[in-house]
N, C-alpha and C. Protein backbone atom coordinates (compact mmCIF):
# COMPACT_ATOMS: atom_id res chain seq x y z
N MET A 1 137.43 80.76 118.12
CA MET A 1 136.17 81.13 117.54
C MET A 1 136.30 82.38 116.65
N ARG A 2 135.51 82.35 115.69
CA ARG A 2 135.53 83.38 114.77
C ARG A 2 134.13 84.20 114.85
N TYR A 3 134.24 85.54 115.18
CA TYR A 3 133.02 86.24 115.52
C TYR A 3 132.90 87.41 114.49
N LEU A 4 131.67 87.53 113.89
CA LEU A 4 131.26 88.75 113.15
C LEU A 4 130.47 89.61 114.00
N LEU A 5 130.96 90.83 114.22
CA LEU A 5 130.21 91.75 115.14
C LEU A 5 129.15 92.49 114.43
N ASP A 6 128.00 92.57 115.05
CA ASP A 6 126.80 93.19 114.53
C ASP A 6 127.17 94.62 114.76
N THR A 7 126.56 95.56 114.05
CA THR A 7 126.92 96.94 114.06
C THR A 7 126.97 97.62 115.47
N HIS A 8 125.81 97.33 116.15
CA HIS A 8 125.73 97.85 117.52
C HIS A 8 126.73 97.28 118.40
N VAL A 9 127.07 96.10 118.35
CA VAL A 9 128.01 95.44 119.16
C VAL A 9 129.44 96.12 118.88
N TRP A 10 129.75 96.28 117.69
CA TRP A 10 131.00 96.95 117.34
C TRP A 10 131.04 98.35 117.90
N VAL A 11 130.04 99.19 117.69
CA VAL A 11 129.91 100.54 118.28
C VAL A 11 129.95 100.52 119.78
N TRP A 12 129.21 99.68 120.40
CA TRP A 12 129.10 99.59 121.86
C TRP A 12 130.52 99.23 122.39
N SER A 13 131.17 98.36 121.66
CA SER A 13 132.49 97.82 122.24
C SER A 13 133.51 98.98 122.41
N LEU A 14 133.28 99.93 121.44
CA LEU A 14 134.18 101.17 121.46
C LEU A 14 133.65 102.40 122.27
N LEU A 15 132.30 102.69 122.16
CA LEU A 15 131.69 103.76 122.84
C LEU A 15 131.07 103.55 124.20
N GLU A 16 130.40 102.35 124.34
CA GLU A 16 129.70 102.10 125.53
C GLU A 16 129.90 100.62 125.92
N PRO A 17 131.21 100.14 126.16
CA PRO A 17 131.51 98.80 126.52
C PRO A 17 130.69 98.23 127.81
N ASP A 18 130.23 99.04 128.63
CA ASP A 18 129.36 98.62 129.73
C ASP A 18 128.13 97.96 129.24
N ARG A 19 127.64 98.23 128.06
CA ARG A 19 126.28 97.66 127.56
C ARG A 19 126.43 96.22 127.17
N LEU A 20 127.70 95.73 126.90
CA LEU A 20 128.00 94.34 126.68
C LEU A 20 128.09 93.47 127.88
N PRO A 21 127.39 92.35 127.83
CA PRO A 21 127.48 91.36 128.96
C PRO A 21 129.03 90.87 129.22
N ARG A 22 129.36 90.57 130.35
CA ARG A 22 130.68 90.31 130.68
C ARG A 22 131.19 89.10 129.88
N ARG A 23 130.33 88.10 129.66
CA ARG A 23 130.84 86.88 128.84
C ARG A 23 131.08 87.27 127.38
N VAL A 24 130.40 88.17 126.94
CA VAL A 24 130.63 88.64 125.49
C VAL A 24 131.96 89.36 125.40
N VAL A 25 132.20 90.26 126.41
CA VAL A 25 133.44 90.95 126.46
C VAL A 25 134.57 89.99 126.50
N GLN A 26 134.36 89.06 127.43
CA GLN A 26 135.54 87.98 127.52
C GLN A 26 135.84 87.25 126.27
N ALA A 27 134.69 86.90 125.60
CA ALA A 27 134.81 86.22 124.28
C ALA A 27 135.54 87.01 123.27
N LEU A 28 135.21 88.35 123.22
CA LEU A 28 135.82 89.22 122.23
C LEU A 28 137.35 89.55 122.62
N GLU A 29 137.65 89.34 123.87
CA GLU A 29 138.93 89.69 124.24
C GLU A 29 139.95 88.46 124.42
N LYS A 30 139.30 87.35 124.21
CA LYS A 30 140.07 86.06 124.40
C LYS A 30 141.11 85.82 123.22
N PRO A 31 142.29 85.72 123.66
CA PRO A 31 143.37 85.65 122.59
C PRO A 31 143.08 84.39 121.69
N GLY A 32 143.36 84.64 120.48
CA GLY A 32 143.10 83.46 119.50
C GLY A 32 141.77 83.58 118.80
N ASN A 33 140.75 84.31 119.38
CA ASN A 33 139.53 84.44 118.78
C ASN A 33 139.69 85.53 117.62
N GLU A 34 139.09 85.30 116.50
CA GLU A 34 139.02 86.32 115.43
C GLU A 34 137.93 87.12 115.46
N LEU A 35 138.05 88.45 115.26
CA LEU A 35 136.88 89.33 115.32
C LEU A 35 136.66 89.98 113.85
N TRP A 36 135.60 89.79 113.29
CA TRP A 36 135.45 90.31 111.85
C TRP A 36 134.38 91.33 111.94
N LEU A 37 134.44 92.23 110.95
CA LEU A 37 133.55 93.34 110.70
C LEU A 37 133.26 93.54 109.17
N SER A 38 131.94 93.42 108.87
CA SER A 38 131.49 93.66 107.55
C SER A 38 131.46 95.10 107.09
N PRO A 39 131.67 95.41 105.98
CA PRO A 39 131.67 96.83 105.40
C PRO A 39 130.20 97.35 105.47
N ILE A 40 129.21 96.32 105.63
CA ILE A 40 127.89 96.86 105.91
C ILE A 40 127.65 97.53 107.15
N SER A 41 128.41 97.20 108.15
CA SER A 41 128.35 97.70 109.53
C SER A 41 128.89 99.25 109.53
N VAL A 42 129.99 99.50 108.65
CA VAL A 42 130.50 100.82 108.52
C VAL A 42 129.48 101.64 107.75
N TRP A 43 128.81 101.08 106.75
CA TRP A 43 127.63 101.70 106.01
C TRP A 43 126.52 102.11 107.03
N GLU A 44 126.11 101.13 107.88
CA GLU A 44 125.10 101.44 108.88
C GLU A 44 125.61 102.56 109.77
N LEU A 45 126.82 102.58 110.25
CA LEU A 45 127.33 103.61 111.07
C LEU A 45 127.25 104.97 110.30
N VAL A 46 127.57 105.01 109.13
CA VAL A 46 127.49 106.17 108.25
C VAL A 46 126.01 106.79 108.25
N MET A 47 125.04 105.83 107.97
CA MET A 47 123.67 106.11 107.93
C MET A 47 123.20 106.67 109.36
N LEU A 48 123.60 106.03 110.39
CA LEU A 48 123.16 106.46 111.77
C LEU A 48 123.81 107.78 112.06
N VAL A 49 124.94 108.11 111.77
CA VAL A 49 125.55 109.47 111.92
C VAL A 49 124.83 110.49 111.15
N GLU A 50 124.52 110.18 109.79
CA GLU A 50 123.88 111.21 108.94
C GLU A 50 122.46 111.39 109.46
N ARG A 51 121.90 110.45 110.14
CA ARG A 51 120.45 110.72 110.57
C ARG A 51 120.48 111.30 112.06
N GLY A 52 121.74 111.52 112.69
CA GLY A 52 121.80 112.07 113.92
C GLY A 52 121.45 111.20 115.04
N ARG A 53 121.49 109.74 114.85
CA ARG A 53 121.20 108.82 115.88
C ARG A 53 122.44 108.49 116.54
N ILE A 54 123.58 108.67 116.01
CA ILE A 54 124.79 108.62 116.75
C ILE A 54 125.69 109.73 116.40
N VAL A 55 126.25 110.40 117.47
CA VAL A 55 127.09 111.59 117.36
C VAL A 55 128.56 111.03 117.73
N LEU A 56 129.44 111.41 116.79
CA LEU A 56 130.89 111.02 116.99
C LEU A 56 131.57 112.26 117.08
N ASP A 57 132.83 112.12 117.70
CA ASP A 57 133.70 113.31 117.68
C ASP A 57 134.39 113.24 116.41
N GLY A 58 134.16 114.25 115.57
CA GLY A 58 134.88 114.40 114.21
C GLY A 58 134.12 113.70 113.09
N ASP A 59 134.84 113.51 112.04
CA ASP A 59 134.43 112.92 110.79
C ASP A 59 134.28 111.43 111.02
N VAL A 60 133.22 110.88 110.35
CA VAL A 60 133.02 109.33 110.55
C VAL A 60 134.14 108.59 109.92
N GLY A 61 134.76 108.92 108.81
CA GLY A 61 135.84 108.20 108.27
C GLY A 61 137.10 108.28 109.15
N ALA A 62 137.37 109.34 109.78
CA ALA A 62 138.43 109.46 110.79
C ALA A 62 138.10 108.50 111.92
N TRP A 63 136.84 108.54 112.47
CA TRP A 63 136.47 107.77 113.56
C TRP A 63 136.68 106.30 113.35
N VAL A 64 136.24 105.92 112.15
CA VAL A 64 136.41 104.41 111.79
C VAL A 64 137.88 104.05 111.65
N ASP A 65 138.64 104.91 111.01
CA ASP A 65 140.13 104.57 110.94
C ASP A 65 140.74 104.38 112.37
N GLU A 66 140.38 105.40 113.26
CA GLU A 66 140.93 105.27 114.69
C GLU A 66 140.46 104.12 115.41
N ALA A 67 139.11 103.77 115.13
CA ALA A 67 138.47 102.58 115.80
C ALA A 67 139.20 101.25 115.43
N LEU A 68 139.48 101.19 114.16
CA LEU A 68 140.15 100.00 113.60
C LEU A 68 141.57 99.93 113.90
N GLN A 69 142.26 100.96 114.39
CA GLN A 69 143.65 101.03 114.84
C GLN A 69 143.64 100.53 116.28
N ARG A 70 142.47 101.06 117.01
CA ARG A 70 142.50 100.77 118.45
C ARG A 70 142.07 99.19 118.70
N ALA A 71 141.25 98.76 117.83
CA ALA A 71 140.62 97.35 117.92
C ALA A 71 140.65 96.80 116.50
N PRO A 72 141.82 96.26 116.08
CA PRO A 72 141.84 95.68 114.73
C PRO A 72 140.85 94.55 114.51
N LEU A 73 140.12 94.66 113.42
CA LEU A 73 139.26 93.47 113.01
C LEU A 73 139.52 93.03 111.67
N LYS A 74 139.24 91.78 111.32
CA LYS A 74 139.30 91.27 109.96
C LYS A 74 138.09 91.84 109.14
N GLU A 75 138.38 92.23 107.92
CA GLU A 75 137.25 92.60 107.08
C GLU A 75 136.63 91.53 106.41
N ALA A 76 135.26 91.41 106.61
CA ALA A 76 134.55 90.38 106.04
C ALA A 76 134.20 90.87 104.58
N PRO A 77 134.78 90.26 103.65
CA PRO A 77 134.53 90.84 102.25
C PRO A 77 133.07 90.61 101.85
N LEU A 78 132.52 91.51 101.03
CA LEU A 78 131.30 91.62 100.50
C LEU A 78 131.41 90.97 99.14
N THR A 79 131.18 89.63 98.95
CA THR A 79 131.45 88.91 97.83
C THR A 79 130.07 88.57 97.09
N LEU A 80 130.26 88.03 95.90
CA LEU A 80 129.20 87.52 95.10
C LEU A 80 128.42 86.40 95.82
N GLU A 81 129.25 85.61 96.47
CA GLU A 81 128.64 84.53 97.36
C GLU A 81 127.74 85.05 98.48
N VAL A 82 128.19 86.01 99.09
CA VAL A 82 127.48 86.75 100.17
C VAL A 82 126.22 87.30 99.61
N ALA A 83 126.36 88.02 98.50
CA ALA A 83 125.10 88.67 97.88
C ALA A 83 124.03 87.55 97.52
N LEU A 84 124.48 86.49 96.95
CA LEU A 84 123.61 85.43 96.58
C LEU A 84 123.02 84.72 97.81
N GLU A 85 123.76 84.65 98.89
CA GLU A 85 123.26 83.99 100.03
C GLU A 85 122.17 84.86 100.66
N THR A 86 122.15 86.13 100.52
CA THR A 86 121.02 86.92 101.05
C THR A 86 119.63 86.44 100.62
N HIS A 87 119.65 85.81 99.35
CA HIS A 87 118.40 85.31 98.80
C HIS A 87 117.84 84.08 99.73
N ARG A 88 118.71 83.49 100.42
CA ARG A 88 118.35 82.28 101.34
C ARG A 88 118.05 82.86 102.77
N VAL A 89 118.35 84.11 103.06
CA VAL A 89 118.01 84.53 104.43
C VAL A 89 116.59 84.92 104.56
N ARG A 90 115.98 84.24 105.47
CA ARG A 90 114.51 84.59 105.87
C ARG A 90 114.51 85.22 107.21
N LEU A 91 114.10 86.61 107.09
CA LEU A 91 113.93 87.31 108.28
C LEU A 91 112.46 87.79 108.41
N GLU A 92 111.99 88.02 109.57
CA GLU A 92 110.69 88.58 109.71
C GLU A 92 110.53 90.00 109.52
N HIS A 93 111.80 90.70 109.37
CA HIS A 93 111.73 92.13 108.99
C HIS A 93 112.61 92.31 107.77
N ARG A 94 112.48 93.48 107.20
CA ARG A 94 113.09 93.79 105.87
C ARG A 94 114.34 94.51 105.87
N ASP A 95 115.08 94.54 106.98
CA ASP A 95 116.29 95.24 107.12
C ASP A 95 117.40 94.62 106.25
N PRO A 96 117.75 95.26 105.09
CA PRO A 96 118.72 94.69 104.19
C PRO A 96 120.20 94.53 104.83
N ALA A 97 120.51 95.41 105.73
CA ALA A 97 121.83 95.34 106.38
C ALA A 97 121.86 93.86 107.26
N ASP A 98 120.85 93.64 107.88
CA ASP A 98 120.69 92.24 108.59
C ASP A 98 120.81 91.17 107.77
N ARG A 99 120.24 91.27 106.52
CA ARG A 99 120.30 90.14 105.57
C ARG A 99 121.74 89.94 105.23
N PHE A 100 122.45 91.03 104.97
CA PHE A 100 123.76 90.81 104.61
C PHE A 100 124.60 90.42 105.73
N LEU A 101 124.39 90.74 106.92
CA LEU A 101 125.23 90.29 108.04
C LEU A 101 124.99 88.64 108.32
N VAL A 102 123.73 88.33 108.15
CA VAL A 102 123.46 86.89 108.33
C VAL A 102 124.07 86.07 107.21
N ALA A 103 124.00 86.68 105.98
CA ALA A 103 124.66 85.96 104.79
C ALA A 103 126.04 85.85 104.94
N THR A 104 126.75 86.96 105.57
CA THR A 104 128.16 86.93 105.64
C THR A 104 128.58 85.91 106.71
N ALA A 105 127.89 85.89 107.89
CA ALA A 105 128.21 84.83 108.86
C ALA A 105 128.08 83.58 108.32
N ARG A 106 127.07 83.19 107.57
CA ARG A 106 126.92 81.91 107.00
C ARG A 106 128.03 81.53 105.93
N VAL A 107 128.29 82.45 105.11
CA VAL A 107 129.34 82.10 103.87
C VAL A 107 130.67 81.91 104.61
N PHE A 108 131.11 82.76 105.56
CA PHE A 108 132.45 82.65 106.09
C PHE A 108 132.51 81.83 107.45
N ASP A 109 131.45 81.22 107.69
CA ASP A 109 131.32 80.28 108.94
C ASP A 109 131.71 81.11 110.22
N LEU A 110 131.03 82.21 110.52
CA LEU A 110 131.33 83.13 111.63
C LEU A 110 130.15 83.03 112.56
N THR A 111 130.38 83.20 113.80
CA THR A 111 129.32 83.46 114.80
C THR A 111 128.98 84.89 114.89
N LEU A 112 127.74 85.24 114.63
CA LEU A 112 127.37 86.61 114.81
C LEU A 112 127.12 86.99 116.26
N VAL A 113 127.68 88.16 116.62
CA VAL A 113 127.52 88.59 117.94
C VAL A 113 126.57 89.82 117.84
N THR A 114 125.40 89.50 118.50
CA THR A 114 124.35 90.51 118.45
C THR A 114 123.50 90.55 119.55
N ALA A 115 122.82 91.68 119.83
CA ALA A 115 121.86 91.82 120.91
C ALA A 115 120.41 91.85 120.20
N ASP A 116 120.35 91.82 119.01
CA ASP A 116 119.13 91.97 118.22
C ASP A 116 118.26 90.61 118.40
N ALA A 117 117.18 90.64 119.16
CA ALA A 117 116.42 89.47 119.39
C ALA A 117 115.94 88.85 118.04
N ARG A 118 115.65 89.61 116.98
CA ARG A 118 115.24 89.07 115.78
C ARG A 118 116.32 88.33 115.12
N LEU A 119 117.57 88.60 115.34
CA LEU A 119 118.67 87.86 114.60
C LEU A 119 119.10 86.73 115.52
N ILE A 120 118.84 86.77 116.83
CA ILE A 120 119.17 85.75 117.74
C ILE A 120 118.48 84.52 117.39
N GLU A 121 117.20 84.61 116.96
CA GLU A 121 116.34 83.62 116.57
C GLU A 121 116.42 82.98 115.23
N VAL A 122 117.31 83.59 114.31
CA VAL A 122 117.42 83.12 113.08
C VAL A 122 117.92 81.73 112.90
N LYS A 123 117.31 80.82 112.04
CA LYS A 123 117.61 79.47 111.97
C LYS A 123 118.97 79.32 111.09
N ASP A 124 119.65 78.29 111.38
CA ASP A 124 120.89 78.03 110.50
C ASP A 124 121.88 79.15 110.76
N LEU A 125 122.12 79.72 111.94
CA LEU A 125 122.99 80.87 112.13
C LEU A 125 123.55 80.67 113.51
N SER A 126 124.94 80.73 113.59
CA SER A 126 125.60 80.53 114.95
C SER A 126 125.67 81.99 115.52
N VAL A 127 125.19 82.10 116.73
CA VAL A 127 124.94 83.38 117.43
C VAL A 127 125.49 83.39 118.84
N LEU A 128 126.15 84.45 119.15
CA LEU A 128 126.58 84.80 120.51
C LEU A 128 125.82 86.02 120.95
N ALA A 129 124.70 85.65 121.77
CA ALA A 129 123.74 86.63 122.16
C ALA A 129 124.50 87.76 123.10
N ALA A 130 124.46 89.03 122.71
CA ALA A 130 124.91 90.04 123.55
C ALA A 130 123.74 90.70 124.40
N ARG A 131 123.09 89.84 125.14
CA ARG A 131 121.97 90.41 125.87
C ARG A 131 122.05 89.89 127.34
């Protein structure tokens, strides 16, 4: 399987792994499964740190570098095709990061791992619910 981690799932997997259901942890740790991360998730993390909603030890850039060394992920490129796919993403909320994550999952045929109920219900999206 090929999984795109939603921002909170990525952060939880590193800082609060107990928040993830056992079946999700098993899927993420299963050999052969690919784990992907969008640059949008790194941007979201930066925003959360700047707003004081997440506190990290040290600089956010250094934290991300260390996190990616501890748990290597494939980078899901932010392409023109992804940007255009956001036009077809229909969400009940206006979060642009979520639109990019859904578009990325669709374009690269990835399963989005999320605990966000609003994303779990999105049509035409493969989801692994982290609830």
